[in-house]
Protein backbone atom coordinates (compact mmCIF):
# COMPACT_ATOMS: atom_id res chain seq x y z
CA ARG A 1 18.41 12.49 0.74
CA ASP A 2 20.09 15.78 1.45
CA THR A 3 20.67 17.32 4.88
CA ASP A 4 17.32 19.14 4.68
CA GLY A 5 15.41 15.86 4.12
CA ARG A 6 14.73 16.40 0.42
CA GLU A 7 14.89 13.31 -1.74
CA ILE A 8 15.27 12.52 -5.42
CA ILE A 9 13.97 9.27 -6.89
CA TRP A 10 15.43 7.98 -10.13
CA SER A 11 14.12 5.21 -12.36
CA SER A 12 15.24 3.90 -15.73
CA PRO A 13 13.51 0.77 -16.96
CA ASP A 14 15.81 0.66 -20.01
CA ALA A 15 19.24 1.23 -18.44
CA PRO A 16 19.22 0.14 -14.77
CA LEU A 17 23.00 -0.19 -14.28
CA ILE A 18 24.40 2.95 -12.63
CA THR A 19 27.16 4.24 -10.40
CA LEU A 20 26.73 7.10 -7.97
CA SER A 21 29.11 10.00 -7.36
CA GLU A 22 32.00 8.76 -9.53
CA LEU A 23 32.62 6.29 -12.33
CA ASN A 24 33.28 2.76 -11.11
CA LYS A 25 37.03 2.32 -10.92
CA GLY A 26 36.93 -1.40 -10.19
CA THR A 27 36.59 -1.04 -6.43
CA TRP A 28 33.63 -2.53 -4.58
CA LYS A 29 33.07 -0.82 -1.27
CA GLN A 30 30.70 -2.07 1.44
CA GLU A 31 29.29 1.45 1.84
CA PRO A 32 29.22 3.98 -1.01
CA GLU A 33 31.21 7.17 -0.66
CA LEU A 34 28.92 9.81 -2.14
CA THR A 35 31.20 12.79 -2.73
CA THR A 36 29.20 14.35 -5.60
CA PRO A 37 25.50 14.32 -6.64
CA THR A 38 26.43 12.77 -10.01
CA LEU A 39 24.68 9.70 -11.39
CA PHE A 40 26.37 7.78 -14.23
CA SER A 41 24.26 5.47 -16.38
CA TYR A 42 25.80 2.53 -18.20
CA ALA A 43 23.24 2.63 -20.99
CA MET A 44 24.77 -0.15 -23.06
CA ASN A 45 26.62 -2.12 -20.37
CA ASN A 46 29.76 -2.37 -22.51
CA TYR A 47 32.14 -1.34 -19.73
CA TRP A 48 32.89 -4.85 -18.51
CA HIS A 49 35.86 -6.80 -19.83
CA THR A 50 34.23 -9.74 -21.58
CA ASN A 51 34.36 -11.45 -24.92
CA TYR A 52 31.78 -9.00 -26.29
CA LYS A 53 32.45 -6.03 -28.53
CA ALA A 54 32.72 -2.84 -26.44
CA GLY A 55 30.27 -1.01 -28.65
CA GLN A 56 26.82 -1.36 -30.14
CA GLY A 57 25.22 0.31 -33.12
CA GLY A 58 21.68 1.18 -34.07
CA ASP A 59 18.90 3.37 -32.74
CA PHE A 60 18.07 3.13 -29.06
CA ARG A 61 15.66 4.78 -26.65
CA PHE A 62 16.47 5.12 -22.96
CA ARG A 63 13.92 6.43 -20.51
CA TYR A 64 15.09 8.23 -17.38
CA ASN A 65 12.49 9.37 -14.86
CA PHE A 66 13.11 11.64 -11.90
CA THR A 67 10.92 13.03 -9.16
CA SER A 68 11.59 14.75 -5.86
CA SER A 69 9.99 15.12 -2.47
CA ASN A 70 10.29 17.35 0.56
CA VAL A 71 9.25 14.49 2.84
CA PRO A 72 10.93 11.10 3.30
CA LEU A 73 9.54 8.47 0.93
CA ASN A 74 9.06 4.83 1.87
CA ASN A 75 9.87 1.83 -0.33
CA GLU A 76 6.24 1.60 -1.46
CA ALA A 77 6.33 5.11 -2.95
CA CYS A 78 9.63 4.37 -4.70
CA VAL A 79 8.36 1.08 -6.14
CA LYS A 80 5.14 2.74 -7.34
CA PHE A 81 7.15 5.46 -9.07
CA ALA A 82 9.48 2.96 -10.75
CA ARG A 83 6.58 0.74 -11.80
CA SER A 84 4.62 3.66 -13.27
CA SER A 85 7.74 4.72 -15.18
CA ALA A 86 8.21 1.27 -16.69
CA THR A 87 4.59 0.27 -17.26
CA PRO A 88 1.78 2.81 -17.17
CA LEU A 89 -1.44 1.70 -15.48
CA LEU A 90 -3.62 -0.54 -17.62
CA ALA A 91 -7.21 -0.71 -16.44
CA THR A 92 -10.22 -2.72 -17.51
CA THR A 93 -13.71 -3.38 -16.24
CA ALA A 94 -14.98 -6.78 -15.22
CA ALA A 95 -18.33 -8.25 -14.35
CA VAL A 96 -18.76 -10.10 -11.05
CA ALA A 97 -20.24 -13.39 -9.99
CA GLY A 98 -20.18 -14.40 -6.35
CA GLY A 99 -18.52 -11.11 -5.43
CA ILE A 100 -15.36 -11.28 -7.54
CA PRO A 101 -14.68 -10.86 -11.26
CA ALA A 102 -15.72 -13.88 -13.31
CA ALA A 103 -15.40 -14.37 -17.05
CA GLY A 104 -18.71 -14.01 -18.86
CA ALA A 105 -20.74 -12.93 -15.82
CA LYS A 106 -23.63 -10.54 -16.55
CA GLN A 107 -23.80 -8.77 -13.18
CA LYS A 108 -22.67 -5.32 -12.04
CA SER A 109 -19.02 -4.91 -11.11
CA LYS A 110 -17.92 -4.52 -7.50
CA PRO A 111 -14.67 -2.77 -6.64
CA LEU A 112 -11.76 -4.80 -5.33
CA THR A 113 -9.65 -2.97 -2.75
CA VAL A 114 -6.38 -3.96 -1.12
CA VAL A 115 -5.27 -2.06 1.96
CA GLY A 116 -1.96 -2.52 3.72
CA GLU A 117 1.08 -0.41 4.54
CA GLY A 118 3.62 -1.03 1.79
CA VAL A 119 1.45 -3.61 -0.01
CA LEU A 120 1.08 -3.42 -3.80
CA VAL A 121 -1.01 -5.49 -6.18
CA ASN A 122 1.32 -7.13 -8.70
CA THR A 123 -1.23 -9.14 -10.66
CA ILE A 124 -4.89 -9.98 -10.82
CA ARG A 125 -6.04 -12.48 -13.43
CA ASP A 126 -8.59 -15.17 -14.10
CA ALA A 127 -7.62 -18.43 -12.39
CA GLY A 128 -8.47 -20.38 -15.54
CA ASP A 129 -11.16 -22.47 -13.86
CA ALA A 130 -14.12 -20.08 -14.47
CA LYS A 131 -14.61 -19.92 -10.69
CA GLY A 132 -12.06 -17.49 -9.28
CA HIS A 133 -9.14 -15.17 -9.76
CA LEU A 134 -5.50 -15.08 -8.74
CA LEU A 135 -4.33 -11.99 -6.87
CA ARG A 136 -0.60 -11.47 -6.27
CA LEU A 137 0.44 -9.07 -3.49
CA ARG A 138 3.90 -7.77 -2.63
CA ASN A 139 5.16 -6.22 0.59
CA THR A 140 7.59 -3.53 -0.58
CA GLU A 141 8.80 -2.71 2.93
CA THR A 142 11.55 -4.20 5.10
CA ILE A 143 9.16 -4.88 7.99
CA PRO A 144 6.23 -7.33 8.31
CA THR A 145 2.82 -5.98 7.39
CA THR A 146 -0.84 -6.99 7.14
CA ALA A 147 -3.14 -6.54 4.16
CA THR A 148 -6.89 -6.80 3.78
CA VAL A 149 -8.68 -7.62 0.54
CA ASN A 150 -12.28 -6.50 0.08
CA VAL A 151 -14.76 -6.90 -2.75
CA GLY A 152 -17.66 -4.47 -2.73
CA GLY A 153 -16.82 -3.47 0.85
CA THR A 154 -16.86 -7.06 2.19
CA ALA A 155 -13.82 -9.15 3.15
CA ALA A 156 -12.86 -11.35 0.21
CA ARG A 157 -12.79 -15.13 0.64
CA TYR A 158 -9.44 -16.54 -0.47
CA ARG A 159 -6.85 -19.25 0.04
CA LEU A 160 -3.09 -19.04 -0.36
CA VAL A 161 -1.72 -20.81 -3.45
CA ASN A 162 1.68 -21.05 -5.08
CA LEU A 163 3.04 -18.64 -7.68
CA VAL A 164 1.19 -20.28 -10.59
CA GLY A 165 -2.06 -20.80 -8.68
CA ASP A 166 -1.65 -24.47 -7.73
CA GLU A 167 -2.55 -25.78 -4.27
CA LEU A 168 0.05 -25.61 -1.52
CA ASP A 169 1.16 -28.80 0.21
CA PRO A 170 -0.70 -29.10 2.51
CA PRO A 171 -3.54 -27.09 0.93
CA ALA A 172 -4.39 -23.79 2.61
CA GLU A 173 -7.86 -23.40 4.12
CA PRO A 174 -10.17 -20.73 2.66
CA THR A 175 -10.41 -17.65 4.87
CA THR A 176 -11.38 -13.98 5.00
CA ASP A 177 -8.68 -13.10 7.55
CA PRO A 178 -6.13 -10.34 6.92
CA ILE A 179 -3.02 -11.53 5.07
CA GLN A 180 0.30 -11.50 6.93
CA LEU A 181 3.26 -10.58 4.71
CA GLN A 182 6.90 -10.81 5.73
CA PRO A 183 9.43 -8.16 4.62
CA ASN A 184 9.67 -8.06 0.80
CA GLN A 185 7.41 -11.12 0.52
CA THR A 186 5.15 -11.85 -2.44
CA VAL A 187 2.05 -14.01 -1.96
CA THR A 188 -0.54 -15.33 -4.39
CA LEU A 189 -4.20 -15.68 -3.37
CA TYR A 190 -6.99 -17.61 -5.04
CA LEU A 191 -10.08 -15.40 -4.69
CA TYR A 192 -13.44 -17.22 -4.64
């Protein structure tokens, strides 16, 4: 961010190792000293002294994405930009049964909405039991937040599960309450 509040966001899904201002000279400071607006990308990561050859051959593609803003951007906006740079949105339609998507159902679809400051949907997929779906949410901010999940305008019924969709120990009770997320937390919900 410059002194006028303008910001630049940078994303490179193919070459994420960078140094700011100057080339890394082997010093690791607690706080960066940004003396220039230069960004150096270590595209091949062959700078480090290891037992690997300090060079690589072949054809390579490196994507670098930049955007700017005149207003301060929160972590959510930065994560959305980086995610869209790495993986464009893939969308599909789904039928519903009991209010949420269900494989093979022959009913009209109802929209699923997730609302929460700094909350992003990481994954939604069939739970594998032909009854429900797994929804993974991430709080991209450094403060606690609350999210609500609705299907067709009604609060979704869910229970918290582990990362792969198995029951917690002890098992969580089904609820329609808003979801509390801690800073940078990821949670997985089983939607009924």
